[in-house]
Structures are given as structure tokens and as C-alpha cells.
Amino acid sequence: MTGSTTRFEAFRRLHETGIFVMPNPWDTGSAKVLAGLGFKALA
């Protein structure tokens, strides 16, 4: 699988479990904090 296909499949699997929260970080620092908090996807 290509990298984009792998990312697509991972994102699609998030929808299988029901509702999930996808925060929108403002910058690199907030993206790192949100990822560190365990969010599986960032907008």
C-alpha cells in the first residue's frame, strides 16, 4: 500500500467505532500537544 492509502484506511477505521473528535490545531506546537493527548486525527 502507498502512504496515502494507508492513511486513508486508518482514517476510515476511525469511523467504524462511531463518533470521534477531530480537533483543529492552530500551529505545530498545538498539533504536538493534541497528538500527545491521544487524538487519533487532527484537522
N, C-alpha and C. Protein backbone atom coordinates (compact mmCIF):
# COMPACT_ATOMS: atom_id res chain seq x y z
N MET A 1 0.84 -1.19 0.00
CA MET A 1 0.00 0.00 0.00
C MET A 1 0.87 1.25 0.00
N THR A 2 0.37 2.29 -0.62
CA THR A 2 1.10 3.56 -0.60
C THR A 2 0.83 4.27 0.72
N GLY A 3 1.60 5.30 0.99
CA GLY A 3 1.41 6.06 2.22
C GLY A 3 0.04 6.69 2.32
N SER A 4 -0.46 7.24 1.20
CA SER A 4 -1.77 7.88 1.24
C SER A 4 -2.88 6.86 1.41
N THR A 5 -2.73 5.67 0.83
CA THR A 5 -3.73 4.62 1.00
C THR A 5 -3.76 4.15 2.45
N THR A 6 -2.60 4.00 3.05
CA THR A 6 -2.51 3.59 4.45
C THR A 6 -3.17 4.62 5.35
N ARG A 7 -2.91 5.90 5.11
CA ARG A 7 -3.53 6.96 5.92
C ARG A 7 -5.04 6.98 5.73
N PHE A 8 -5.49 6.77 4.49
CA PHE A 8 -6.92 6.73 4.22
C PHE A 8 -7.59 5.59 4.99
N GLU A 9 -6.99 4.42 4.96
CA GLU A 9 -7.55 3.26 5.66
C GLU A 9 -7.60 3.51 7.16
N ALA A 10 -6.57 4.11 7.72
CA ALA A 10 -6.56 4.42 9.16
C ALA A 10 -7.67 5.41 9.49
N PHE A 11 -7.86 6.42 8.65
CA PHE A 11 -8.91 7.42 8.88
C PHE A 11 -10.29 6.78 8.74
N ARG A 12 -10.46 5.90 7.76
CA ARG A 12 -11.73 5.22 7.56
C ARG A 12 -12.08 4.35 8.77
N ARG A 13 -11.10 3.70 9.36
CA ARG A 13 -11.34 2.85 10.53
C ARG A 13 -11.83 3.65 11.72
N LEU A 14 -11.45 4.93 11.82
CA LEU A 14 -11.94 5.77 12.91
C LEU A 14 -13.46 5.88 12.87
N HIS A 15 -14.04 5.85 11.68
CA HIS A 15 -15.48 5.98 11.53
C HIS A 15 -16.23 4.71 11.92
N GLU A 16 -15.57 3.58 11.94
CA GLU A 16 -16.22 2.31 12.24
C GLU A 16 -16.66 2.20 13.69
N THR A 17 -15.98 2.89 14.59
CA THR A 17 -16.29 2.79 16.01
C THR A 17 -17.36 3.78 16.45
N GLY A 18 -17.84 4.61 15.55
CA GLY A 18 -18.86 5.60 15.90
C GLY A 18 -18.31 7.01 15.81
N ILE A 19 -18.72 7.84 16.72
CA ILE A 19 -18.33 9.25 16.72
C ILE A 19 -16.93 9.42 17.30
N PHE A 20 -16.15 10.29 16.69
CA PHE A 20 -14.84 10.63 17.23
C PHE A 20 -14.63 12.14 17.09
N VAL A 21 -13.76 12.68 17.92
CA VAL A 21 -13.46 14.11 17.91
C VAL A 21 -12.17 14.33 17.14
N MET A 22 -12.20 15.30 16.21
CA MET A 22 -11.02 15.63 15.43
C MET A 22 -10.73 17.12 15.61
N PRO A 23 -9.83 17.47 16.54
CA PRO A 23 -9.54 18.88 16.81
C PRO A 23 -8.76 19.53 15.67
N ASN A 24 -8.80 20.85 15.63
CA ASN A 24 -8.13 21.63 14.60
C ASN A 24 -7.01 22.46 15.24
N PRO A 25 -5.77 21.97 15.21
CA PRO A 25 -4.67 22.73 15.82
C PRO A 25 -4.37 24.01 15.03
N TRP A 26 -3.89 25.02 15.74
CA TRP A 26 -3.59 26.31 15.12
C TRP A 26 -2.16 26.39 14.61
N ASP A 27 -1.27 25.60 15.20
CA ASP A 27 0.14 25.65 14.82
C ASP A 27 0.81 24.32 15.15
N THR A 28 2.09 24.23 14.87
CA THR A 28 2.82 22.98 15.11
C THR A 28 2.83 22.60 16.58
N GLY A 29 2.99 23.59 17.44
CA GLY A 29 3.02 23.32 18.88
C GLY A 29 1.72 22.73 19.38
N SER A 30 0.60 23.33 18.98
CA SER A 30 -0.69 22.80 19.44
C SER A 30 -0.97 21.44 18.81
N ALA A 31 -0.48 21.20 17.60
CA ALA A 31 -0.64 19.88 16.97
C ALA A 31 0.10 18.82 17.78
N LYS A 32 1.30 19.14 18.23
CA LYS A 32 2.06 18.19 19.04
C LYS A 32 1.38 17.93 20.38
N VAL A 33 0.84 18.96 20.99
CA VAL A 33 0.13 18.79 22.27
C VAL A 33 -1.10 17.91 22.07
N LEU A 34 -1.90 18.19 21.05
CA LEU A 34 -3.12 17.41 20.80
C LEU A 34 -2.79 15.96 20.47
N ALA A 35 -1.75 15.74 19.67
CA ALA A 35 -1.34 14.36 19.37
C ALA A 35 -0.87 13.66 20.64
N GLY A 36 -0.17 14.39 21.50
CA GLY A 36 0.29 13.83 22.77
C GLY A 36 -0.84 13.48 23.71
N LEU A 37 -1.96 14.17 23.56
CA LEU A 37 -3.14 13.88 24.39
C LEU A 37 -3.89 12.65 23.90
N GLY A 38 -3.49 12.13 22.74
CA GLY A 38 -4.08 10.88 22.26
C GLY A 38 -5.09 10.99 21.15
N PHE A 39 -5.28 12.18 20.58
CA PHE A 39 -6.21 12.31 19.46
C PHE A 39 -5.66 11.52 18.28
N LYS A 40 -6.52 10.73 17.65
CA LYS A 40 -6.10 9.85 16.55
C LYS A 40 -6.00 10.59 15.22
N ALA A 41 -6.68 11.73 15.08
CA ALA A 41 -6.65 12.50 13.84
C ALA A 41 -6.73 13.98 14.18
N LEU A 42 -6.07 14.79 13.37
CA LEU A 42 -6.12 16.25 13.52
C LEU A 42 -6.58 16.84 12.20
N ALA A 43 -7.39 17.90 12.29
CA ALA A 43 -7.91 18.54 11.07
C ALA A 43 -6.85 19.41 10.45
